[in-house]
């Protein structure tokens, strides 16, 4: 039983981290787009009530 780090085991350890990072990036981008959409909707509603 040796604890050698081979390229295969190193790649296996880093792969989930990069996958999680891309998921995090996608969620961040979706949240940003959603917030922008909601802000635009709120602005449109307030403009309608101001008239």
N, C-alpha and C. Protein backbone atom coordinates (compact mmCIF):
# COMPACT_ATOMS: atom_id res chain seq x y z
N UNK A 1 0.83 -1.19 0.00
CA UNK A 1 0.00 0.00 0.00
C UNK A 1 0.87 1.25 0.00
N UNK A 2 1.02 1.82 -1.14
CA UNK A 2 1.81 3.04 -1.23
C UNK A 2 0.89 4.21 -1.54
N UNK A 3 1.29 5.36 -1.08
CA UNK A 3 0.49 6.56 -1.31
C UNK A 3 1.14 7.45 -2.37
N UNK A 4 1.48 6.84 -3.48
CA UNK A 4 2.08 7.61 -4.57
C UNK A 4 1.01 8.38 -5.31
N UNK A 5 1.34 9.58 -5.69
CA UNK A 5 0.41 10.39 -6.48
C UNK A 5 0.83 10.25 -7.94
N UNK A 6 -0.01 9.59 -8.68
CA UNK A 6 0.25 9.43 -10.11
C UNK A 6 -0.55 10.48 -10.86
N UNK A 7 -0.21 10.71 -12.10
CA UNK A 7 -0.99 11.69 -12.88
C UNK A 7 -2.48 11.35 -12.92
N UNK A 8 -2.80 10.05 -12.91
CA UNK A 8 -4.21 9.65 -12.94
C UNK A 8 -4.93 10.06 -11.67
N UNK A 9 -4.31 9.84 -10.51
CA UNK A 9 -4.97 10.18 -9.26
C UNK A 9 -5.00 11.69 -9.06
N UNK A 10 -3.99 12.39 -9.52
CA UNK A 10 -3.98 13.85 -9.40
C UNK A 10 -5.08 14.45 -10.26
N UNK A 11 -5.28 13.92 -11.46
CA UNK A 11 -6.34 14.42 -12.33
C UNK A 11 -7.70 14.11 -11.74
N UNK A 12 -7.84 12.96 -11.13
CA UNK A 12 -9.12 12.57 -10.53
C UNK A 12 -9.46 13.49 -9.37
N UNK A 13 -8.46 13.96 -8.66
CA UNK A 13 -8.70 14.86 -7.53
C UNK A 13 -9.07 16.26 -8.00
N UNK A 14 -8.48 16.71 -9.08
CA UNK A 14 -8.73 18.09 -9.53
C UNK A 14 -9.95 18.20 -10.42
N UNK A 15 -10.38 17.11 -11.04
CA UNK A 15 -11.50 17.18 -11.97
C UNK A 15 -12.81 17.63 -11.30
N UNK A 16 -13.20 17.07 -10.16
CA UNK A 16 -14.45 17.53 -9.54
C UNK A 16 -14.39 19.01 -9.13
N UNK A 17 -13.23 19.49 -8.76
CA UNK A 17 -13.10 20.89 -8.37
C UNK A 17 -13.37 21.80 -9.56
N UNK A 18 -12.85 21.44 -10.72
CA UNK A 18 -13.09 22.27 -11.89
C UNK A 18 -14.54 22.16 -12.33
N UNK A 19 -15.13 20.99 -12.18
CA UNK A 19 -16.54 20.82 -12.54
C UNK A 19 -17.41 21.66 -11.61
N UNK A 20 -17.10 21.64 -10.33
CA UNK A 20 -17.84 22.45 -9.37
C UNK A 20 -17.66 23.93 -9.64
N UNK A 21 -16.49 24.31 -10.07
CA UNK A 21 -16.21 25.72 -10.37
C UNK A 21 -17.03 26.18 -11.56
N UNK A 22 -17.14 25.35 -12.58
CA UNK A 22 -17.93 25.75 -13.74
C UNK A 22 -19.40 25.85 -13.36
N UNK A 23 -19.87 24.96 -12.51
CA UNK A 23 -21.26 25.03 -12.04
C UNK A 23 -21.47 26.32 -11.27
N UNK A 24 -20.50 26.63 -10.44
CA UNK A 24 -20.56 27.87 -9.66
C UNK A 24 -20.61 29.09 -10.58
N UNK A 25 -19.80 29.06 -11.63
CA UNK A 25 -19.78 30.17 -12.59
C UNK A 25 -21.12 30.29 -13.32
N UNK A 26 -21.69 29.13 -13.70
CA UNK A 26 -22.99 29.16 -14.38
C UNK A 26 -24.07 29.71 -13.46
N UNK A 27 -24.06 29.29 -12.21
CA UNK A 27 -25.06 29.78 -11.26
C UNK A 27 -24.90 31.27 -11.01
N UNK A 28 -23.65 31.71 -10.93
CA UNK A 28 -23.39 33.13 -10.71
C UNK A 28 -23.90 33.96 -11.89
N UNK A 29 -23.65 33.48 -13.10
CA UNK A 29 -24.11 34.20 -14.29
C UNK A 29 -25.64 34.20 -14.38
N UNK A 30 -26.27 33.08 -14.03
CA UNK A 30 -27.73 33.00 -14.07
C UNK A 30 -28.34 33.93 -13.03
N UNK A 31 -27.75 33.98 -11.86
CA UNK A 31 -28.25 34.87 -10.81
C UNK A 31 -28.11 36.32 -11.22
N UNK A 32 -26.99 36.66 -11.83
CA UNK A 32 -26.77 38.03 -12.28
C UNK A 32 -27.80 38.43 -13.34
N UNK A 33 -28.06 37.53 -14.28
CA UNK A 33 -29.05 37.81 -15.33
C UNK A 33 -30.44 37.93 -14.73
N UNK A 34 -30.77 37.08 -13.78
CA UNK A 34 -32.08 37.11 -13.13
C UNK A 34 -32.27 38.42 -12.36
N UNK A 35 -31.24 38.84 -11.66
CA UNK A 35 -31.34 40.09 -10.90
C UNK A 35 -31.50 41.29 -11.84
N UNK A 36 -30.79 41.28 -12.96
CA UNK A 36 -30.92 42.37 -13.93
C UNK A 36 -32.33 42.40 -14.51
N UNK A 37 -32.88 41.22 -14.79
CA UNK A 37 -34.24 41.13 -15.33
C UNK A 37 -35.25 41.66 -14.32
N UNK A 38 -35.11 41.25 -13.06
CA UNK A 38 -36.02 41.72 -12.02
C UNK A 38 -35.91 43.23 -11.80
N UNK A 39 -34.70 43.73 -11.88
CA UNK A 39 -34.49 45.17 -11.71
C UNK A 39 -35.18 45.94 -12.83
N UNK A 40 -35.06 45.43 -14.05
CA UNK A 40 -35.71 46.07 -15.20
C UNK A 40 -37.23 46.02 -15.06
N UNK A 41 -37.74 44.89 -14.57
CA UNK A 41 -39.19 44.77 -14.37
C UNK A 41 -39.67 45.75 -13.31
N UNK A 42 -38.94 45.86 -12.23
CA UNK A 42 -39.32 46.78 -11.15
C UNK A 42 -39.28 48.22 -11.64
N UNK A 43 -38.28 48.54 -12.44
CA UNK A 43 -38.16 49.89 -12.99
C UNK A 43 -39.34 50.19 -13.92
N UNK A 44 -39.74 49.22 -14.73
CA UNK A 44 -40.86 49.39 -15.64
C UNK A 44 -42.17 49.56 -14.87
N UNK A 45 -42.31 48.80 -13.79
CA UNK A 45 -43.52 48.93 -12.97
C UNK A 45 -43.62 50.30 -12.32
N UNK A 46 -42.49 50.79 -11.81
CA UNK A 46 -42.50 52.08 -11.14
C UNK A 46 -42.74 53.20 -12.15
N UNK A 47 -42.28 53.02 -13.38
CA UNK A 47 -42.50 54.01 -14.42
C UNK A 47 -43.98 54.05 -14.81
N UNK A 48 -44.63 52.88 -14.79
CA UNK A 48 -46.05 52.81 -15.12
C UNK A 48 -46.90 53.48 -14.06
N UNK A 49 -46.55 53.33 -12.81
CA UNK A 49 -47.33 53.93 -11.72
C UNK A 49 -47.07 55.42 -11.61
N UNK A 50 -45.93 55.88 -12.07
CA UNK A 50 -45.58 57.30 -11.99
C UNK A 50 -46.35 58.12 -13.03
N UNK A 51 -46.79 57.49 -14.10
CA UNK A 51 -47.51 58.23 -15.16
C UNK A 51 -48.89 58.64 -14.76
